[in-house]
Amino acid sequence: MENKKSIIHVILTGGVGSRLWPLSRKSQPKQYLDIFDGKSLFEMTVDRNRNIADKVMVVGNIDNCHLSRNILEKTSTSYIDIIESTPRNTAAAIAFAAFAADPDDILIVTPSDHIIGDMAEYETAIQEAVEKASQGAIVTFGIVPTKPETGYGYIERKGDDVISFREKPNQVSARDFIAKGNFLWNSGMFCFKAGVLLEELKAFHPEVYDKSKLVWESNTNGNLDLALSMDIPSISIDYAVMERSKKIKVVSSKFAWSDLGSFESVYDYLVTIGHTVDENGNMVIGTTNYTAFIGVKDTIFVYTPTANLILKKEFSQDVKSVYNALERDKSDLLN
């Protein structure tokens, strides 16, 4: 009797959420913060795919795997755990997941820190992607844009064929993309047969393939060796495969989506669920203490016990520069 191929939900949990400092820290990255409807983004990611996939696989790192484990055990979710000893970017992380699966298994790869709404639209997009993946395509999910966003990469497409991938644009280019009408936001979500992805990785970036395979074959209960891992080139799946393969298809997706990659996107989401803003659009995150804003508008005050951040909403992308400065100083405020 033929074995039924599995659909595996692969959750990538490696990000540190530097643009959401000081809420997001190395010890508690944004995907584990309980500030979104009383659940973490990680838990919401597990929940929304529970009825879609047969198995769950988590690719995390030595610093956050206990946070994933706590949530998965709390929700009685069985899963395959892959624990990186050092981050080597998404090409290696996805390769490990593919090596851990059977070649004909279909992997749905998602980050762990996105907000998604309109579940009927989401499930329709997933079904379309699984169908294309069954036929040998490597599928990326493009989101129909709602505004000229400079914080996301874009996919240029004709039908379901990808013409090009574009880096995060400036405001002028973003407006141009929206006006042309055939550009989608790049969601960073993928769907493919494990064997197809590995074939393409081997063809286009054999060094990542070979060294990731060596690391996977020497794993101990999903724990990956540090010395061997350091030899893997740190490269994204976009550069290694997506921008080079001829097997790429895009599913144009209409579900509500945000990567919550900045305080502006967090602000916009919190407004939709009834978080308080004053008459000038000012918002407090992280404390219920009375806070008054005078002479400012569209300002966000972020409170934590050890560090505060005050920013104009439109400068949200600049938080990363604060994070980088603290990193150069080896500050404990990142931990």
C-alpha atoms as a PDB file:
ATOM      1  CA  MET A   1       0.000   0.000   0.000  1.00  0.00           C
ATOM      2  CA  GLU A   2       1.410   3.396  -0.988  1.00  0.00           C
ATOM      3  CA  ASN A   3       2.394   5.651   1.884  1.00  0.00           C
ATOM      4  CA  LYS A   4       0.449   8.903   1.967  1.00  0.00           C
ATOM      5  CA  LYS A   5       2.737  11.886   1.772  1.00  0.00           C
ATOM      6  CA  SER A   6       2.609  14.187   4.772  1.00  0.00           C
ATOM      7  CA  ILE A   7       1.967  17.904   4.830  1.00  0.00           C
ATOM      8  CA  ILE A   8       4.416  19.348   7.359  1.00  0.00           C
ATOM      9  CA  HIS A   9       4.163  22.829   8.837  1.00  0.00           C
ATOM     10  CA  VAL A  10       7.724  24.116   9.316  1.00  0.00           C
ATOM     11  CA  ILE A  11       7.969  27.051  11.726  1.00  0.00           C
ATOM     12  CA  LEU A  12      11.099  29.207  11.551  1.00  0.00           C
ATOM     13  CA  THR A  13      11.751  30.862  14.913  1.00  0.00           C
ATOM     14  CA  GLY A  14      15.236  32.327  14.562  1.00  0.00           C
ATOM     15  CA  GLY A  15      14.535  36.088  14.403  1.00  0.00           C
ATOM     16  CA  VAL A  16      15.328  38.467  17.267  1.00  0.00           C
ATOM     17  CA  GLY A  17      12.920  41.263  16.260  1.00  0.00           C
ATOM     18  CA  SER A  18      15.511  44.039  16.489  1.00  0.00           C
ATOM     19  CA  ARG A  19      13.052  46.684  15.234  1.00  0.00           C
ATOM     20  CA  LEU A  20      10.793  45.937  18.216  1.00  0.00           C
ATOM     21  CA  TRP A  21      13.422  46.614  20.898  1.00  0.00           C
ATOM     22  CA  PRO A  22      12.999  47.095  23.862  1.00  0.00           C
ATOM     23  CA  LEU A  23       9.918  44.829  23.873  1.00  0.00           C
ATOM     24  CA  SER A  24      11.764  42.183  21.874  1.00  0.00           C
ATOM     25  CA  ARG A  25      14.987  40.929  23.486  1.00  0.00           C
ATOM     26  CA  LYS A  26      17.365  38.062  22.768  1.00  0.00           C
ATOM     27  CA  SER A  27      15.938  36.231  25.790  1.00  0.00           C
ATOM     28  CA  GLN A  28      12.323  36.896  24.693  1.00  0.00           C
ATOM     29  CA  PRO A  29      12.086  37.651  20.958  1.00  0.00           C
ATOM     30  CA  LYS A  30       8.903  39.207  19.589  1.00  0.00           C
ATOM     31  CA  GLN A  31       7.370  35.873  18.516  1.00  0.00           C
ATOM     32  CA  TYR A  32       7.082  34.852  22.207  1.00  0.00           C
ATOM     33  CA  LEU A  33       5.626  38.087  23.618  1.00  0.00           C
ATOM     34  CA  ASP A  34       2.067  37.706  24.954  1.00  0.00           C
ATOM     35  CA  ILE A  35       0.874  41.130  23.771  1.00  0.00           C
ATOM     36  CA  PHE A  36      -1.311  40.047  20.837  1.00  0.00           C
ATOM     37  CA  ASP A  37      -4.811  38.997  21.949  1.00  0.00           C
ATOM     38  CA  GLY A  38      -3.262  37.356  25.028  1.00  0.00           C
ATOM     39  CA  LYS A  39      -1.321  34.869  22.909  1.00  0.00           C
ATOM     40  CA  SER A  40       2.155  34.973  21.461  1.00  0.00           C
ATOM     41  CA  LEU A  41       2.680  35.200  17.698  1.00  0.00           C
ATOM     42  CA  PHE A  42       4.326  31.774  17.865  1.00  0.00           C
ATOM     43  CA  GLU A  43       1.244  30.206  19.471  1.00  0.00           C
ATOM     44  CA  MET A  44      -1.036  31.913  16.930  1.00  0.00           C
ATOM     45  CA  THR A  45       1.155  30.503  14.117  1.00  0.00           C
ATOM     46  CA  VAL A  46       0.795  26.979  15.510  1.00  0.00           C
ATOM     47  CA  ASP A  47      -2.976  27.381  15.956  1.00  0.00           C
ATOM     48  CA  ARG A  48      -3.765  28.667  12.462  1.00  0.00           C
ATOM     49  CA  ASN A  49      -2.033  25.737  10.767  1.00  0.00           C
ATOM     50  CA  ARG A  50      -3.221  23.028  13.140  1.00  0.00           C
ATOM     51  CA  ASN A  51      -5.921  21.729  10.791  1.00  0.00           C
ATOM     52  CA  ILE A  52      -3.880  22.191   7.613  1.00  0.00           C
ATOM     53  CA  ALA A  53      -0.793  20.110   8.369  1.00  0.00           C
ATOM     54  CA  ASP A  54      -0.256  16.507   9.498  1.00  0.00           C
ATOM     55  CA  LYS A  55       2.932  17.297  11.398  1.00  0.00           C
ATOM     56  CA  VAL A  56       4.683  20.284  12.962  1.00  0.00           C
ATOM     57  CA  MET A  57       8.414  20.910  12.687  1.00  0.00           C
ATOM     58  CA  VAL A  58      10.150  23.754  14.531  1.00  0.00           C
ATOM     59  CA  VAL A  59      13.532  25.079  13.420  1.00  0.00           C
ATOM     60  CA  GLY A  60      14.782  27.166  16.320  1.00  0.00           C
ATOM     61  CA  ASN A  61      18.020  27.931  18.067  1.00  0.00           C
ATOM     62  CA  ILE A  62      19.700  27.010  21.295  1.00  0.00           C
ATOM     63  CA  ASP A  63      18.624  30.332  22.881  1.00  0.00           C
ATOM     64  CA  ASN A  64      14.886  30.108  22.215  1.00  0.00           C
ATOM     65  CA  CYS A  65      14.014  26.413  21.818  1.00  0.00           C
ATOM     66  CA  HIS A  66      12.788  26.267  25.446  1.00  0.00           C
ATOM     67  CA  LEU A  67      10.284  29.055  24.690  1.00  0.00           C
ATOM     68  CA  SER A  68       8.858  27.097  21.752  1.00  0.00           C
ATOM     69  CA  ARG A  69       8.794  23.920  23.830  1.00  0.00           C
ATOM     70  CA  ASN A  70       6.829  25.597  26.637  1.00  0.00           C
ATOM     71  CA  ILE A  71       4.090  26.717  24.232  1.00  0.00           C
ATOM     72  CA  LEU A  72       3.911  23.427  22.314  1.00  0.00           C
ATOM     73  CA  GLU A  73       3.713  21.398  25.531  1.00  0.00           C
ATOM     74  CA  LYS A  74       1.058  23.759  26.937  1.00  0.00           C
ATOM     75  CA  THR A  75      -1.056  23.182  23.829  1.00  0.00           C
ATOM     76  CA  SER A  76      -0.297  19.407  23.718  1.00  0.00           C
ATOM     77  CA  THR A  77       1.212  19.725  20.230  1.00  0.00           C
ATOM     78  CA  SER A  78       3.593  16.966  19.149  1.00  0.00           C
ATOM     79  CA  TYR A  79       6.388  18.225  16.928  1.00  0.00           C
ATOM     80  CA  ILE A  80       9.798  17.559  15.409  1.00  0.00           C
ATOM     81  CA  ASP A  81      12.413  19.810  17.029  1.00  0.00           C
ATOM     82  CA  ILE A  82      15.466  21.042  15.088  1.00  0.00           C
ATOM     83  CA  ILE A  83      17.792  23.120  17.276  1.00  0.00           C
ATOM     84  CA  GLU A  84      20.459  25.205  15.559  1.00  0.00           C
ATOM     85  CA  SER A  85      23.591  25.859  17.610  1.00  0.00           C
ATOM     86  CA  THR A  86      24.227  29.061  15.657  1.00  0.00           C
ATOM     87  CA  PRO A  87      22.070  30.971  13.153  1.00  0.00           C
ATOM     88  CA  ARG A  88      23.059  30.314   9.510  1.00  0.00           C
ATOM     89  CA  ASN A  89      20.158  32.134   7.796  1.00  0.00           C
ATOM     90  CA  THR A  90      17.102  30.683   6.078  1.00  0.00           C
ATOM     91  CA  ALA A  91      18.729  28.549   3.356  1.00  0.00           C
ATOM     92  CA  ALA A  92      20.324  26.283   5.955  1.00  0.00           C
ATOM     93  CA  ALA A  93      17.289  26.357   8.295  1.00  0.00           C
ATOM     94  CA  ILE A  94      14.964  25.261   5.481  1.00  0.00           C
ATOM     95  CA  ALA A  95      17.476  22.668   4.261  1.00  0.00           C
ATOM     96  CA  PHE A  96      17.512  21.050   7.727  1.00  0.00           C
ATOM     97  CA  ALA A  97      13.713  20.796   7.655  1.00  0.00           C
ATOM     98  CA  ALA A  98      13.799  19.255   4.170  1.00  0.00           C
ATOM     99  CA  PHE A  99      16.465  16.719   5.203  1.00  0.00           C
ATOM    100  CA  ALA A 100      14.308  15.783   8.209  1.00  0.00           C
ATOM    101  CA  ALA A 101      11.339  15.000   5.937  1.00  0.00           C
ATOM    102  CA  ASP A 102      10.710  12.393   3.239  1.00  0.00           C
ATOM    103  CA  PRO A 103      11.399  13.679  -0.311  1.00  0.00           C
ATOM    104  CA  ASP A 104       7.697  13.604  -1.284  1.00  0.00           C
ATOM    105  CA  ASP A 105       6.480  15.319   1.879  1.00  0.00           C
ATOM    106  CA  ILE A 106       5.073  18.795   1.255  1.00  0.00           C
ATOM    107  CA  LEU A 107       6.486  21.476   3.528  1.00  0.00           C
ATOM    108  CA  ILE A 108       4.619  24.682   4.336  1.00  0.00           C
ATOM    109  CA  VAL A 109       7.313  27.003   5.687  1.00  0.00           C
ATOM    110  CA  THR A 110       6.232  30.030   7.724  1.00  0.00           C
ATOM    111  CA  PRO A 111       7.948  32.495  10.027  1.00  0.00           C
ATOM    112  CA  SER A 112       6.713  32.403  13.624  1.00  0.00           C
ATOM    113  CA  ASP A 113       6.135  36.136  14.053  1.00  0.00           C
ATOM    114  CA  HIS A 114       3.470  37.156  11.529  1.00  0.00           C
ATOM    115  CA  ILE A 115      -0.140  38.229  12.023  1.00  0.00           C
ATOM    116  CA  ILE A 116      -2.617  36.710   9.565  1.00  0.00           C
ATOM    117  CA  GLY A 117      -6.360  37.325   9.275  1.00  0.00           C
ATOM    118  CA  ASP A 118      -9.170  36.132   6.967  1.00  0.00           C
ATOM    119  CA  MET A 119      -8.677  32.423   7.613  1.00  0.00           C
ATOM    120  CA  ALA A 120     -10.901  31.356   4.691  1.00  0.00           C
ATOM    121  CA  GLU A 121      -8.637  33.300   2.287  1.00  0.00           C
ATOM    122  CA  TYR A 122      -5.556  31.903   4.040  1.00  0.00           C
ATOM    123  CA  GLU A 123      -6.726  28.305   3.712  1.00  0.00           C
ATOM    124  CA  THR A 124      -7.617  28.854   0.036  1.00  0.00           C
ATOM    125  CA  ALA A 125      -4.084  30.146  -0.603  1.00  0.00           C
ATOM    126  CA  ILE A 126      -2.549  27.191   1.260  1.00  0.00           C
ATOM    127  CA  GLN A 127      -4.630  24.691  -0.752  1.00  0.00           C
ATOM    128  CA  GLU A 128      -3.572  26.321  -4.027  1.00  0.00           C
ATOM    129  CA  ALA A 129       0.076  26.239  -2.933  1.00  0.00           C
ATOM    130  CA  VAL A 130      -0.104  22.567  -1.902  1.00  0.00           C
ATOM    131  CA  GLU A 131      -1.595  21.700  -5.306  1.00  0.00           C
ATOM    132  CA  LYS A 132       1.206  23.508  -7.152  1.00  0.00           C
ATOM    133  CA  ALA A 133       3.833  21.942  -4.873  1.00  0.00           C
ATOM    134  CA  SER A 134       2.369  18.488  -5.581  1.00  0.00           C
ATOM    135  CA  GLN A 135       3.166  19.126  -9.239  1.00  0.00           C
ATOM    136  CA  GLY A 136       6.807  19.971  -8.501  1.00  0.00           C
ATOM    137  CA  ALA A 137       6.712  23.758  -8.074  1.00  0.00           C
ATOM    138  CA  ILE A 138       8.431  25.745  -5.345  1.00  0.00           C
ATOM    139  CA  VAL A 139       5.715  28.142  -4.243  1.00  0.00           C
ATOM    140  CA  THR A 140       6.062  31.532  -2.626  1.00  0.00           C
ATOM    141  CA  PHE A 141       3.128  33.458  -1.153  1.00  0.00           C
ATOM    142  CA  GLY A 142       2.707  37.016  -2.428  1.00  0.00           C
ATOM    143  CA  ILE A 143       0.333  39.303  -0.562  1.00  0.00           C
ATOM    144  CA  VAL A 144      -1.887  41.688  -2.543  1.00  0.00           C
ATOM    145  CA  PRO A 145      -0.596  45.047  -1.238  1.00  0.00           C
ATOM    146  CA  THR A 146      -2.873  47.534   0.464  1.00  0.00           C
ATOM    147  CA  LYS A 147      -0.438  50.478   0.375  1.00  0.00           C
ATOM    148  CA  PRO A 148       3.057  51.423  -0.902  1.00  0.00           C
ATOM    149  CA  GLU A 149       4.981  49.803   1.974  1.00  0.00           C
ATOM    150  CA  THR A 150       8.762  50.364   2.207  1.00  0.00           C
ATOM    151  CA  GLY A 151       9.298  47.772   4.947  1.00  0.00           C
ATOM    152  CA  TYR A 152       8.610  44.713   2.740  1.00  0.00           C
ATOM    153  CA  GLY A 153      10.268  43.103  -0.245  1.00  0.00           C
ATOM    154  CA  TYR A 154       8.170  42.692  -3.407  1.00  0.00           C
ATOM    155  CA  ILE A 155       7.487  39.988  -5.989  1.00  0.00           C
ATOM    156  CA  GLU A 156       6.963  41.051  -9.593  1.00  0.00           C
ATOM    157  CA  ARG A 157       4.757  38.513 -11.355  1.00  0.00           C
ATOM    158  CA  LYS A 158       2.829  37.648 -14.482  1.00  0.00           C
ATOM    159  CA  GLY A 159      -0.015  35.317 -13.553  1.00  0.00           C
ATOM    160  CA  ASP A 160       1.559  32.777 -11.203  1.00  0.00           C
ATOM    161  CA  ASP A 161       5.016  33.150 -12.787  1.00  0.00           C
ATOM    162  CA  VAL A 162       7.621  35.175 -10.899  1.00  0.00           C
ATOM    163  CA  ILE A 163       9.389  37.789 -13.043  1.00  0.00           C
ATOM    164  CA  SER A 164      11.648  39.127 -10.280  1.00  0.00           C
ATOM    165  CA  PHE A 165      12.155  39.573  -6.563  1.00  0.00           C
ATOM    166  CA  ARG A 166      12.761  43.147  -5.388  1.00  0.00           C
ATOM    167  CA  GLU A 167      14.438  44.357  -2.213  1.00  0.00           C
ATOM    168  CA  LYS A 168      12.647  46.749   0.158  1.00  0.00           C
ATOM    169  CA  PRO A 169      12.034  49.845  -2.003  1.00  0.00           C
ATOM    170  CA  ASN A 170      12.128  53.547  -1.236  1.00  0.00           C
ATOM    171  CA  GLN A 171       8.815  55.416  -1.162  1.00  0.00           C
ATOM    172  CA  VAL A 172       8.976  56.414  -4.846  1.00  0.00           C
ATOM    173  CA  SER A 173       9.641  52.839  -6.018  1.00  0.00           C
ATOM    174  CA  ALA A 174       6.965  51.453  -3.684  1.00  0.00           C
ATOM    175  CA  ARG A 175       4.375  53.798  -5.196  1.00  0.00           C
ATOM    176  CA  ASP A 176       5.543  52.785  -8.676  1.00  0.00           C
ATOM    177  CA  PHE A 177       5.141  49.082  -7.814  1.00  0.00           C
ATOM    178  CA  ILE A 178       1.585  49.645  -6.565  1.00  0.00           C
ATOM    179  CA  ALA A 179       0.670  51.674  -9.667  1.00  0.00           C
ATOM    180  CA  LYS A 180       1.881  48.908 -11.994  1.00  0.00           C
ATOM    181  CA  GLY A 181      -0.507  46.449 -10.344  1.00  0.00           C
ATOM    182  CA  ASN A 182       1.548  43.253 -10.811  1.00  0.00           C
ATOM    183  CA  PHE A 183       3.640  43.520  -7.652  1.00  0.00           C
ATOM    184  CA  LEU A 184       2.923  41.596  -4.441  1.00  0.00           C
ATOM    185  CA  TRP A 185       4.439  41.864  -0.967  1.00  0.00           C
ATOM    186  CA  ASN A 186       6.928  39.072  -0.322  1.00  0.00           C
ATOM    187  CA  SER A 187       5.569  37.226   2.716  1.00  0.00           C
ATOM    188  CA  GLY A 188       8.581  34.982   3.341  1.00  0.00           C
ATOM    189  CA  MET A 189       6.277  31.932   3.292  1.00  0.00           C
ATOM    190  CA  PHE A 190       6.922  28.944   1.019  1.00  0.00           C
ATOM    191  CA  CYS A 191       5.494  25.567   0.008  1.00  0.00           C
ATOM    192  CA  PHE A 192       7.300  22.728  -1.802  1.00  0.00           C
ATOM    193  CA  LYS A 193       8.160  19.054  -1.807  1.00  0.00           C
ATOM    194  CA  ALA A 194      11.199  18.494   0.406  1.00  0.00           C
ATOM    195  CA  GLY A 195      13.046  16.644  -2.363  1.00  0.00           C
ATOM    196  CA  VAL A 196      12.383  19.349  -4.972  1.00  0.00           C
ATOM    197  CA  LEU A 197      13.765  22.097  -2.744  1.00  0.00           C
ATOM    198  CA  LEU A 198      16.879  20.061  -1.964  1.00  0.00           C
ATOM    199  CA  GLU A 199      17.481  19.317  -5.666  1.00  0.00           C
ATOM    200  CA  GLU A 200      17.367  23.034  -6.465  1.00  0.00           C
ATOM    201  CA  LEU A 201      19.575  23.947  -3.495  1.00  0.00           C
ATOM    202  CA  LYS A 202      22.108  21.323  -4.592  1.00  0.00           C
ATOM    203  CA  ALA A 203      22.062  22.724  -8.151  1.00  0.00           C
ATOM    204  CA  PHE A 204      22.351  26.401  -7.251  1.00  0.00           C
ATOM    205  CA  HIS A 205      24.266  26.412  -3.957  1.00  0.00           C
ATOM    206  CA  PRO A 206      25.989  23.027  -3.534  1.00  0.00           C
ATOM    207  CA  GLU A 207      28.117  24.265  -0.624  1.00  0.00           C
ATOM    208  CA  VAL A 208      25.056  25.086   1.492  1.00  0.00           C
ATOM    209  CA  TYR A 209      23.499  21.757   0.467  1.00  0.00           C
ATOM    210  CA  ASP A 210      26.572  19.640   1.257  1.00  0.00           C
ATOM    211  CA  LYS A 211      27.463  21.312   4.545  1.00  0.00           C
ATOM    212  CA  SER A 212      23.837  21.401   5.768  1.00  0.00           C
ATOM    213  CA  LYS A 213      23.510  17.704   4.906  1.00  0.00           C
ATOM    214  CA  LEU A 214      26.663  16.929   6.883  1.00  0.00           C
ATOM    215  CA  VAL A 215      25.346  18.870   9.877  1.00  0.00           C
ATOM    216  CA  TRP A 216      21.933  17.170   9.705  1.00  0.00           C
ATOM    217  CA  GLU A 217      23.427  13.684   9.423  1.00  0.00           C
ATOM    218  CA  SER A 218      25.431  14.301  12.599  1.00  0.00           C
ATOM    219  CA  ASN A 219      22.484  15.647  14.639  1.00  0.00           C
ATOM    220  CA  THR A 220      21.735  14.304  18.096  1.00  0.00           C
ATOM    221  CA  ASN A 221      17.979  14.268  18.769  1.00  0.00           C
ATOM    222  CA  GLY A 222      17.596  17.303  16.539  1.00  0.00           C
ATOM    223  CA  ASN A 223      20.486  19.215  18.136  1.00  0.00           C
ATOM    224  CA  LEU A 224      22.984  20.427  15.527  1.00  0.00           C
ATOM    225  CA  ASP A 225      26.756  20.506  15.978  1.00  0.00           C
ATOM    226  CA  LEU A 226      28.281  23.976  16.442  1.00  0.00           C
ATOM    227  CA  ALA A 227      31.673  23.447  14.776  1.00  0.00           C
ATOM    228  CA  LEU A 228      30.136  21.845  11.674  1.00  0.00           C
ATOM    229  CA  SER A 229      27.392  24.479  11.510  1.00  0.00           C
ATOM    230  CA  MET A 230      29.924  27.312  11.429  1.00  0.00           C
ATOM    231  CA  ASP A 231      31.119  26.006   8.040  1.00  0.00           C
ATOM    232  CA  ILE A 232      27.713  26.570   6.392  1.00  0.00           C
ATOM    233  CA  PRO A 233      27.538  29.819   4.368  1.00  0.00           C
ATOM    234  CA  SER A 234      25.018  32.219   5.899  1.00  0.00           C
ATOM    235  CA  ILE A 235      22.657  32.955   3.008  1.00  0.00           C
ATOM    236  CA  SER A 236      18.918  33.421   2.647  1.00  0.00           C
ATOM    237  CA  ILE A 237      16.702  30.971   0.778  1.00  0.00           C
ATOM    238  CA  ASP A 238      15.767  33.889  -1.513  1.00  0.00           C
ATOM    239  CA  TYR A 239      19.337  34.297  -2.768  1.00  0.00           C
ATOM    240  CA  ALA A 240      20.192  30.595  -2.701  1.00  0.00           C
ATOM    241  CA  VAL A 241      17.136  29.242  -4.536  1.00  0.00           C
ATOM    242  CA  MET A 242      14.126  31.510  -5.048  1.00  0.00           C
ATOM    243  CA  GLU A 243      15.842  34.073  -7.277  1.00  0.00           C
ATOM    244  CA  ARG A 244      17.536  31.401  -9.410  1.00  0.00           C
ATOM    245  CA  SER A 245      15.236  28.409  -9.809  1.00  0.00           C
ATOM    246  CA  LYS A 246      12.934  27.980 -12.821  1.00  0.00           C
ATOM    247  CA  LYS A 247      10.420  26.082 -10.665  1.00  0.00           C
ATOM    248  CA  ILE A 248       9.130  29.090  -8.723  1.00  0.00           C
ATOM    249  CA  LYS A 249       5.400  29.893  -8.728  1.00  0.00           C
ATOM    250  CA  VAL A 250       3.617  32.555  -6.716  1.00  0.00           C
ATOM    251  CA  VAL A 251       0.198  32.318  -5.100  1.00  0.00           C
ATOM    252  CA  SER A 252      -1.444  35.745  -5.095  1.00  0.00           C
ATOM    253  CA  SER A 253      -2.929  35.891  -1.595  1.00  0.00           C
ATOM    254  CA  LYS A 254      -5.678  38.154  -0.295  1.00  0.00           C
ATOM    255  CA  PHE A 255      -5.581  37.302   3.407  1.00  0.00           C
ATOM    256  CA  ALA A 256      -4.727  40.111   5.834  1.00  0.00           C
ATOM    257  CA  TRP A 257      -1.026  39.909   6.634  1.00  0.00           C
ATOM    258  CA  SER A 258       1.667  41.776   8.537  1.00  0.00           C
ATOM    259  CA  ASP A 259       5.146  40.690   9.583  1.00  0.00           C
ATOM    260  CA  LEU A 260       4.877  43.083  12.563  1.00  0.00           C
ATOM    261  CA  GLY A 261       8.420  44.090  11.705  1.00  0.00           C
ATOM    262  CA  SER A 262       8.160  47.611  13.106  1.00  0.00           C
ATOM    263  CA  PHE A 263       6.323  49.556  15.777  1.00  0.00           C
ATOM    264  CA  GLU A 264       4.258  51.201  13.035  1.00  0.00           C
ATOM    265  CA  SER A 265       2.853  47.817  11.998  1.00  0.00           C
ATOM    266  CA  VAL A 266       2.356  46.831  15.665  1.00  0.00           C
ATOM    267  CA  TYR A 267       0.530  50.147  16.215  1.00  0.00           C
ATOM    268  CA  ASP A 268      -1.726  49.541  13.195  1.00  0.00           C
ATOM    269  CA  TYR A 269      -2.545  46.022  14.390  1.00  0.00           C
ATOM    270  CA  LEU A 270      -3.212  47.051  18.002  1.00  0.00           C
ATOM    271  CA  VAL A 271      -5.619  49.755  16.787  1.00  0.00           C
ATOM    272  CA  THR A 272      -7.647  47.071  14.960  1.00  0.00           C
ATOM    273  CA  ILE A 273      -8.129  45.112  18.207  1.00  0.00           C
ATOM    274  CA  GLY A 274      -9.162  48.138  20.253  1.00  0.00           C
ATOM    275  CA  HIS A 275      -5.892  49.224  21.898  1.00  0.00           C
ATOM    276  CA  THR A 276      -6.217  52.766  23.269  1.00  0.00           C
ATOM    277  CA  VAL A 277      -4.887  55.779  21.385  1.00  0.00           C
ATOM    278  CA  ASP A 278      -5.462  59.392  22.425  1.00  0.00           C
ATOM    279  CA  GLU A 279      -7.076  62.074  20.252  1.00  0.00           C
ATOM    280  CA  ASN A 280      -3.691  62.853  18.653  1.00  0.00           C
ATOM    281  CA  GLY A 281      -2.960  59.258  17.721  1.00  0.00           C
ATOM    282  CA  ASN A 282      -0.472  58.655  20.564  1.00  0.00           C
ATOM    283  CA  MET A 283      -0.165  55.139  21.978  1.00  0.00           C
ATOM    284  CA  VAL A 284       1.318  53.511  25.082  1.00  0.00           C
ATOM    285  CA  ILE A 285       2.630  49.931  24.869  1.00  0.00           C
ATOM    286  CA  GLY A 286       3.783  47.891  27.838  1.00  0.00           C
ATOM    287  CA  THR A 287       2.262  49.676  30.819  1.00  0.00           C
ATOM    288  CA  THR A 288      -1.138  50.627  32.202  1.00  0.00           C
ATOM    289  CA  ASN A 289       0.367  53.600  34.095  1.00  0.00           C
ATOM    290  CA  TYR A 290      -1.322  56.900  33.294  1.00  0.00           C
ATOM    291  CA  THR A 291       0.747  58.524  30.548  1.00  0.00           C
ATOM    292  CA  ALA A 292       0.106  62.008  29.141  1.00  0.00           C
ATOM    293  CA  PHE A 293       1.337  63.243  25.766  1.00  0.00           C
ATOM    294  CA  ILE A 294       1.622  67.036  25.304  1.00  0.00           C
ATOM    295  CA  GLY A 295       2.426  68.744  22.020  1.00  0.00           C
ATOM    296  CA  VAL A 296       3.055  65.560  20.051  1.00  0.00           C
ATOM    297  CA  LYS A 297       1.005  63.317  17.798  1.00  0.00           C
ATOM    298  CA  ASP A 298       1.377  59.828  16.273  1.00  0.00           C
ATOM    299  CA  THR A 299       3.943  59.080  18.972  1.00  0.00           C
ATOM    300  CA  ILE A 300       4.501  55.668  20.556  1.00  0.00           C
ATOM    301  CA  PHE A 301       5.740  55.233  24.124  1.00  0.00           C
ATOM    302  CA  VAL A 302       7.126  51.743  24.785  1.00  0.00           C
ATOM    303  CA  TYR A 303       7.694  50.784  28.412  1.00  0.00           C
ATOM    304  CA  THR A 304       9.739  47.923  29.838  1.00  0.00           C
ATOM    305  CA  PRO A 305      11.225  47.613  33.354  1.00  0.00           C
ATOM    306  CA  THR A 306      14.781  48.222  32.118  1.00  0.00           C
ATOM    307  CA  ALA A 307      14.427  50.464  29.050  1.00  0.00           C
ATOM    308  CA  ASN A 308      11.904  52.800  27.441  1.00  0.00           C
ATOM    309  CA  LEU A 309      11.520  53.959  23.845  1.00  0.00           C
ATOM    310  CA  ILE A 310       9.734  57.053  22.573  1.00  0.00           C
ATOM    311  CA  LEU A 311       9.334  57.403  18.814  1.00  0.00           C
ATOM    312  CA  LYS A 312       7.298  59.060  16.125  1.00  0.00           C
ATOM    313  CA  LYS A 313       5.394  56.320  14.326  1.00  0.00           C
ATOM    314  CA  GLU A 314       6.844  57.137  10.892  1.00  0.00           C
ATOM    315  CA  PHE A 315      10.408  56.603  12.176  1.00  0.00           C
ATOM    316  CA  SER A 316       9.719  53.011  13.256  1.00  0.00           C
ATOM    317  CA  GLN A 317      12.298  51.509  10.866  1.00  0.00           C
ATOM    318  CA  ASP A 318      15.032  53.511  12.654  1.00  0.00           C
ATOM    319  CA  VAL A 319      14.702  51.483  15.870  1.00  0.00           C
ATOM    320  CA  LYS A 320      17.154  48.996  14.378  1.00  0.00           C
ATOM    321  CA  SER A 321      19.891  51.657  14.568  1.00  0.00           C
ATOM    322  CA  VAL A 322      19.366  51.887  18.347  1.00  0.00           C
ATOM    323  CA  TYR A 323      19.568  48.102  18.560  1.00  0.00           C
ATOM    324  CA  ASN A 324      22.753  48.060  16.477  1.00  0.00           C
ATOM    325  CA  ALA A 325      24.369  50.729  18.672  1.00  0.00           C
ATOM    326  CA  LEU A 326      23.561  48.734  21.822  1.00  0.00           C
ATOM    327  CA  GLU A 327      24.934  45.610  20.119  1.00  0.00           C
ATOM    328  CA  ARG A 328      28.213  47.365  19.341  1.00  0.00           C
ATOM    329  CA  ASP A 329      28.429  48.328  23.036  1.00  0.00           C
ATOM    330  CA  LYS A 330      27.634  44.720  24.043  1.00  0.00           C
ATOM    331  CA  SER A 331      24.816  46.116  26.177  1.00  0.00           C
ATOM    332  CA  ASP A 332      22.877  43.882  28.577  1.00  0.00           C
ATOM    333  CA  LEU A 333      19.773  45.793  27.465  1.00  0.00           C
ATOM    334  CA  LEU A 334      19.535  43.462  24.444  1.00  0.00           C
ATOM    335  CA  ASN A 335      19.229  40.348  26.637  1.00  0.00           C
END
